[in-house]
Amino acid sequence: MSPPRLHGPFTPSALRTFLLAPTVRRAGFPGETHRDRPVVWWVGVRLVKDHFQCHTYFIANGSDGVLIDPASPLTIEGTLAKQRTSTDLGAPPWLICHHSDPDICAALPRLGGVLVHPDVHVVTEWRANALIRHYGHRFSTYLVEQHNWCLPVQGDRRLEFQLTPYLHVPGAMVSFDTFS
């Protein structure tokens, strides 16, 4: 089954930010812990004097957390530190990788040694997975096209995916959080 078509001049990065924007909070501020309710956190790291910035999000959703675009080795330690302010590292069984570039996926092997959840899945599209598997991570794969382009998570939350092929790589996609 094909995903519905998306209309508009959006880049994948801008669209991911736009679709999550209504509920996004920045992690790492004193007193801002929301372990008891579903919240979308920006847990990315700004690289000083780097013109290329990547954005990582964490959906705190009870025991069914979601880490979106996990990061690279340059930013993963800061991302993990911010994530710890909103949840423990046992919570994210889902790692969404919107495409296969290293700024999104190169930290997967590091996460394999840190995440304690027994059944973590990389959520992606089959063309992206053809390259993501070369990062040598230990996680199983959840191919969105085999699950009607959606990921149901705990409670009433459901993430839907839209293919954005060749924006900027084959297999690129964006997420829509129906809970927001």
C-alpha atoms as a PDB file:
ATOM      1  CA  MET A   1       0.000   0.000   0.000  1.00  0.00           C
ATOM      2  CA  SER A   2       1.356   3.436  -0.924  1.00  0.00           C
ATOM      3  CA  PRO A   3       1.490   6.253   1.601  1.00  0.00           C
ATOM      4  CA  PRO A   4      -0.730   9.272   0.992  1.00  0.00           C
ATOM      5  CA  ARG A   5       0.895  12.067  -1.034  1.00  0.00           C
ATOM      6  CA  LEU A   6       2.146  15.186   0.665  1.00  0.00           C
ATOM      7  CA  HIS A   7       1.841  18.591  -0.991  1.00  0.00           C
ATOM      8  CA  GLY A   8       4.081  21.568  -0.337  1.00  0.00           C
ATOM      9  CA  PRO A   9       7.651  22.772  -0.754  1.00  0.00           C
ATOM     10  CA  PHE A  10       8.998  21.298   2.497  1.00  0.00           C
ATOM     11  CA  THR A  11      12.450  19.915   3.176  1.00  0.00           C
ATOM     12  CA  PRO A  12      12.418  16.766   5.322  1.00  0.00           C
ATOM     13  CA  SER A  13      14.154  18.521   8.230  1.00  0.00           C
ATOM     14  CA  ALA A  14      11.789  21.494   8.200  1.00  0.00           C
ATOM     15  CA  LEU A  15       8.777  19.223   7.828  1.00  0.00           C
ATOM     16  CA  ARG A  16       9.800  16.999  10.747  1.00  0.00           C
ATOM     17  CA  THR A  17      10.123  20.104  12.893  1.00  0.00           C
ATOM     18  CA  PHE A  18       6.803  21.499  11.652  1.00  0.00           C
ATOM     19  CA  LEU A  19       4.870  18.289  12.270  1.00  0.00           C
ATOM     20  CA  LEU A  20       6.183  17.966  15.829  1.00  0.00           C
ATOM     21  CA  ALA A  21       6.221  21.678  16.699  1.00  0.00           C
ATOM     22  CA  PRO A  22       2.869  21.962  18.570  1.00  0.00           C
ATOM     23  CA  THR A  23       4.088  19.808  21.463  1.00  0.00           C
ATOM     24  CA  VAL A  24       7.881  20.128  21.371  1.00  0.00           C
ATOM     25  CA  ARG A  25       9.694  21.150  24.537  1.00  0.00           C
ATOM     26  CA  ARG A  26      13.398  21.642  24.978  1.00  0.00           C
ATOM     27  CA  ALA A  27      14.971  19.191  27.395  1.00  0.00           C
ATOM     28  CA  GLY A  28      17.568  20.043  29.953  1.00  0.00           C
ATOM     29  CA  PHE A  29      16.051  22.946  31.843  1.00  0.00           C
ATOM     30  CA  PRO A  30      15.898  22.735  35.662  1.00  0.00           C
ATOM     31  CA  GLY A  31      12.517  21.631  36.929  1.00  0.00           C
ATOM     32  CA  GLU A  32      11.313  20.493  33.509  1.00  0.00           C
ATOM     33  CA  THR A  33      10.691  16.805  33.959  1.00  0.00           C
ATOM     34  CA  HIS A  34       7.433  15.352  32.722  1.00  0.00           C
ATOM     35  CA  ARG A  35       7.850  11.643  33.349  1.00  0.00           C
ATOM     36  CA  ASP A  36       4.144  11.206  34.072  1.00  0.00           C
ATOM     37  CA  ARG A  37       2.640  12.394  30.769  1.00  0.00           C
ATOM     38  CA  PRO A  38       3.382  12.098  27.049  1.00  0.00           C
ATOM     39  CA  VAL A  39       5.568  14.946  25.844  1.00  0.00           C
ATOM     40  CA  VAL A  40       7.766  15.534  22.779  1.00  0.00           C
ATOM     41  CA  TRP A  41      11.229  16.769  23.776  1.00  0.00           C
ATOM     42  CA  TRP A  42      13.929  18.308  21.607  1.00  0.00           C
ATOM     43  CA  VAL A  43      17.040  16.484  22.798  1.00  0.00           C
ATOM     44  CA  GLY A  44      19.371  17.611  20.041  1.00  0.00           C
ATOM     45  CA  VAL A  45      22.726  19.273  20.480  1.00  0.00           C
ATOM     46  CA  ARG A  46      23.856  22.467  18.801  1.00  0.00           C
ATOM     47  CA  LEU A  47      27.354  22.112  17.383  1.00  0.00           C
ATOM     48  CA  VAL A  48      29.124  25.444  17.816  1.00  0.00           C
ATOM     49  CA  LYS A  49      30.577  26.880  14.588  1.00  0.00           C
ATOM     50  CA  ASP A  50      29.024  24.075  12.539  1.00  0.00           C
ATOM     51  CA  HIS A  51      26.735  25.147   9.732  1.00  0.00           C
ATOM     52  CA  PHE A  52      25.117  21.714   9.651  1.00  0.00           C
ATOM     53  CA  GLN A  53      22.735  21.165  12.561  1.00  0.00           C
ATOM     54  CA  CYS A  54      20.656  18.049  13.157  1.00  0.00           C
ATOM     55  CA  HIS A  55      17.619  17.737  15.380  1.00  0.00           C
ATOM     56  CA  THR A  56      16.827  14.795  17.620  1.00  0.00           C
ATOM     57  CA  TYR A  57      13.480  14.429  19.380  1.00  0.00           C
ATOM     58  CA  PHE A  58      12.307  12.131  22.143  1.00  0.00           C
ATOM     59  CA  ILE A  59       8.659  11.269  22.707  1.00  0.00           C
ATOM     60  CA  ALA A  60       8.245  10.437  26.379  1.00  0.00           C
ATOM     61  CA  ASN A  61       5.310   8.046  26.284  1.00  0.00           C
ATOM     62  CA  GLY A  62       5.506   5.855  29.348  1.00  0.00           C
ATOM     63  CA  SER A  63       7.352   2.621  28.681  1.00  0.00           C
ATOM     64  CA  ASP A  64       6.902   3.094  24.917  1.00  0.00           C
ATOM     65  CA  GLY A  65       9.277   6.004  24.243  1.00  0.00           C
ATOM     66  CA  VAL A  66      10.444   7.022  20.782  1.00  0.00           C
ATOM     67  CA  LEU A  67      13.826   8.539  19.885  1.00  0.00           C
ATOM     68  CA  ILE A  68      13.589  10.337  16.531  1.00  0.00           C
ATOM     69  CA  ASP A  69      16.727  10.701  14.384  1.00  0.00           C
ATOM     70  CA  PRO A  70      19.083   9.451  17.116  1.00  0.00           C
ATOM     71  CA  ALA A  71      22.202  11.433  16.158  1.00  0.00           C
ATOM     72  CA  SER A  72      25.832  11.087  15.243  1.00  0.00           C
ATOM     73  CA  PRO A  73      28.867  10.307  17.392  1.00  0.00           C
ATOM     74  CA  LEU A  74      29.456  14.090  17.550  1.00  0.00           C
ATOM     75  CA  THR A  75      26.195  14.710  19.418  1.00  0.00           C
ATOM     76  CA  ILE A  76      25.031  11.446  20.994  1.00  0.00           C
ATOM     77  CA  GLU A  77      26.442  12.027  24.496  1.00  0.00           C
ATOM     78  CA  GLY A  78      24.680  15.385  24.779  1.00  0.00           C
ATOM     79  CA  THR A  79      21.485  13.860  23.409  1.00  0.00           C
ATOM     80  CA  LEU A  80      21.618  11.058  25.978  1.00  0.00           C
ATOM     81  CA  ALA A  81      22.242  13.534  28.796  1.00  0.00           C
ATOM     82  CA  LYS A  82      19.172  15.549  27.766  1.00  0.00           C
ATOM     83  CA  GLN A  83      17.079  12.416  27.362  1.00  0.00           C
ATOM     84  CA  ARG A  84      17.934  11.364  30.907  1.00  0.00           C
ATOM     85  CA  THR A  85      16.225  14.553  32.177  1.00  0.00           C
ATOM     86  CA  SER A  86      12.885  13.328  30.809  1.00  0.00           C
ATOM     87  CA  THR A  87      13.110   9.535  31.166  1.00  0.00           C
ATOM     88  CA  ASP A  88      15.371   6.643  32.003  1.00  0.00           C
ATOM     89  CA  LEU A  89      17.228   4.949  29.172  1.00  0.00           C
ATOM     90  CA  GLY A  90      15.027   1.873  29.399  1.00  0.00           C
ATOM     91  CA  ALA A  91      12.119   3.716  27.824  1.00  0.00           C
ATOM     92  CA  PRO A  92      12.831   4.043  24.097  1.00  0.00           C
ATOM     93  CA  PRO A  93      12.033   0.785  22.324  1.00  0.00           C
ATOM     94  CA  TRP A  94      11.612   2.746  19.058  1.00  0.00           C
ATOM     95  CA  LEU A  95      14.386   4.550  17.170  1.00  0.00           C
ATOM     96  CA  ILE A  96      12.990   6.360  14.129  1.00  0.00           C
ATOM     97  CA  CYS A  97      15.531   7.035  11.386  1.00  0.00           C
ATOM     98  CA  HIS A  98      14.016   9.317   8.744  1.00  0.00           C
ATOM     99  CA  HIS A  99      16.906   8.632   6.367  1.00  0.00           C
ATOM    100  CA  SER A 100      20.265   6.886   6.321  1.00  0.00           C
ATOM    101  CA  ASP A 101      22.756   9.757   6.603  1.00  0.00           C
ATOM    102  CA  PRO A 102      25.362   9.634   9.374  1.00  0.00           C
ATOM    103  CA  ASP A 103      23.976  12.703  11.170  1.00  0.00           C
ATOM    104  CA  ILE A 104      20.848  10.623  11.830  1.00  0.00           C
ATOM    105  CA  CYS A 105      22.148   7.058  12.239  1.00  0.00           C
ATOM    106  CA  ALA A 106      25.879   6.897  12.971  1.00  0.00           C
ATOM    107  CA  ALA A 107      25.266   6.730  16.740  1.00  0.00           C
ATOM    108  CA  LEU A 108      23.208   3.530  16.497  1.00  0.00           C
ATOM    109  CA  PRO A 109      26.149   1.293  17.529  1.00  0.00           C
ATOM    110  CA  ARG A 110      26.746   3.518  20.595  1.00  0.00           C
ATOM    111  CA  LEU A 111      23.062   3.301  21.507  1.00  0.00           C
ATOM    112  CA  GLY A 112      23.355  -0.485  21.347  1.00  0.00           C
ATOM    113  CA  GLY A 113      25.640  -0.327  24.364  1.00  0.00           C
ATOM    114  CA  VAL A 114      23.505   2.186  26.290  1.00  0.00           C
ATOM    115  CA  LEU A 115      19.818   1.428  25.786  1.00  0.00           C
ATOM    116  CA  VAL A 116      18.607  -1.167  28.240  1.00  0.00           C
ATOM    117  CA  HIS A 117      15.190  -1.932  26.743  1.00  0.00           C
ATOM    118  CA  PRO A 118      15.270  -5.616  25.697  1.00  0.00           C
ATOM    119  CA  ASP A 119      13.536  -5.146  22.340  1.00  0.00           C
ATOM    120  CA  VAL A 120      14.606  -1.951  20.554  1.00  0.00           C
ATOM    121  CA  HIS A 121      13.568  -1.464  16.922  1.00  0.00           C
ATOM    122  CA  VAL A 122      14.902   0.874  14.239  1.00  0.00           C
ATOM    123  CA  VAL A 123      11.855   2.301  12.443  1.00  0.00           C
ATOM    124  CA  THR A 124      12.595   3.204   8.834  1.00  0.00           C
ATOM    125  CA  GLU A 125      11.789   2.593   5.166  1.00  0.00           C
ATOM    126  CA  TRP A 126      13.333  -0.307   3.233  1.00  0.00           C
ATOM    127  CA  ARG A 127      15.602   1.820   1.001  1.00  0.00           C
ATOM    128  CA  ALA A 128      16.979   3.692   4.008  1.00  0.00           C
ATOM    129  CA  ASN A 129      17.441   0.396   5.838  1.00  0.00           C
ATOM    130  CA  ALA A 130      19.628  -0.914   3.004  1.00  0.00           C
ATOM    131  CA  LEU A 131      22.266   1.567   4.215  1.00  0.00           C
ATOM    132  CA  ILE A 132      21.365   1.875   7.915  1.00  0.00           C
ATOM    133  CA  ARG A 133      22.206  -1.786   8.507  1.00  0.00           C
ATOM    134  CA  HIS A 134      25.815  -0.997   7.509  1.00  0.00           C
ATOM    135  CA  TYR A 135      26.264   1.014  10.717  1.00  0.00           C
ATOM    136  CA  GLY A 136      26.503  -2.337  12.507  1.00  0.00           C
ATOM    137  CA  HIS A 137      23.841  -1.849  15.165  1.00  0.00           C
ATOM    138  CA  ARG A 138      22.225  -4.717  17.146  1.00  0.00           C
ATOM    139  CA  PHE A 139      18.590  -3.616  16.812  1.00  0.00           C
ATOM    140  CA  SER A 140      15.802  -5.279  14.870  1.00  0.00           C
ATOM    141  CA  THR A 141      14.113  -3.354  12.071  1.00  0.00           C
ATOM    142  CA  TYR A 142      10.506  -2.145  11.792  1.00  0.00           C
ATOM    143  CA  LEU A 143       9.873  -1.318   8.132  1.00  0.00           C
ATOM    144  CA  VAL A 144       7.047   1.217   7.930  1.00  0.00           C
ATOM    145  CA  GLU A 145       5.791   0.065   4.535  1.00  0.00           C
ATOM    146  CA  GLN A 146       5.093  -3.370   6.045  1.00  0.00           C
ATOM    147  CA  HIS A 147       2.946  -1.766   8.777  1.00  0.00           C
ATOM    148  CA  ASN A 148       0.652   0.474   6.738  1.00  0.00           C
ATOM    149  CA  TRP A 149       3.005   3.459   7.189  1.00  0.00           C
ATOM    150  CA  CYS A 150       2.245   3.782  10.894  1.00  0.00           C
ATOM    151  CA  LEU A 151       3.639   2.967  14.321  1.00  0.00           C
ATOM    152  CA  PRO A 152       1.046   2.542  17.071  1.00  0.00           C
ATOM    153  CA  VAL A 153       2.561   3.269  20.464  1.00  0.00           C
ATOM    154  CA  GLN A 154       1.226   3.010  24.006  1.00  0.00           C
ATOM    155  CA  GLY A 155      -2.028   4.821  24.744  1.00  0.00           C
ATOM    156  CA  ASP A 156      -3.831   6.779  22.046  1.00  0.00           C
ATOM    157  CA  ARG A 157      -0.645   7.881  20.284  1.00  0.00           C
ATOM    158  CA  ARG A 158       0.116   6.785  16.749  1.00  0.00           C
ATOM    159  CA  LEU A 159       2.923   7.926  14.473  1.00  0.00           C
ATOM    160  CA  GLU A 160       2.209   8.040  10.749  1.00  0.00           C
ATOM    161  CA  PHE A 161       4.887   8.230   8.083  1.00  0.00           C
ATOM    162  CA  GLN A 162       5.010   9.950   4.716  1.00  0.00           C
ATOM    163  CA  LEU A 163       7.577   8.995   2.113  1.00  0.00           C
ATOM    164  CA  THR A 164       9.570  11.933   0.712  1.00  0.00           C
ATOM    165  CA  PRO A 165      11.692  10.052  -1.846  1.00  0.00           C
ATOM    166  CA  TYR A 166      14.872  11.799  -2.958  1.00  0.00           C
ATOM    167  CA  LEU A 167      14.352  14.677  -0.527  1.00  0.00           C
ATOM    168  CA  HIS A 168      17.277  14.297  -0.140  1.00  0.00           C
ATOM    169  CA  VAL A 169      17.924  10.573  -0.404  1.00  0.00           C
ATOM    170  CA  PRO A 170      15.925   7.529  -1.532  1.00  0.00           C
ATOM    171  CA  GLY A 171      13.854   6.195   1.345  1.00  0.00           C
ATOM    172  CA  ALA A 172      13.615   9.531   3.174  1.00  0.00           C
ATOM    173  CA  MET A 173      10.412  10.017   5.136  1.00  0.00           C
ATOM    174  CA  VAL A 174       8.763  12.305   7.695  1.00  0.00           C
ATOM    175  CA  SER A 175       6.619  11.566  10.773  1.00  0.00           C
ATOM    176  CA  PHE A 176       3.249  12.860  11.889  1.00  0.00           C
ATOM    177  CA  ASP A 177       2.299  12.491  15.552  1.00  0.00           C
ATOM    178  CA  THR A 178      -1.487  11.996  15.718  1.00  0.00           C
ATOM    179  CA  PHE A 179      -1.492  12.671  19.476  1.00  0.00           C
ATOM    180  CA  SER A 180      -0.462  16.323  19.049  1.00  0.00           C
END
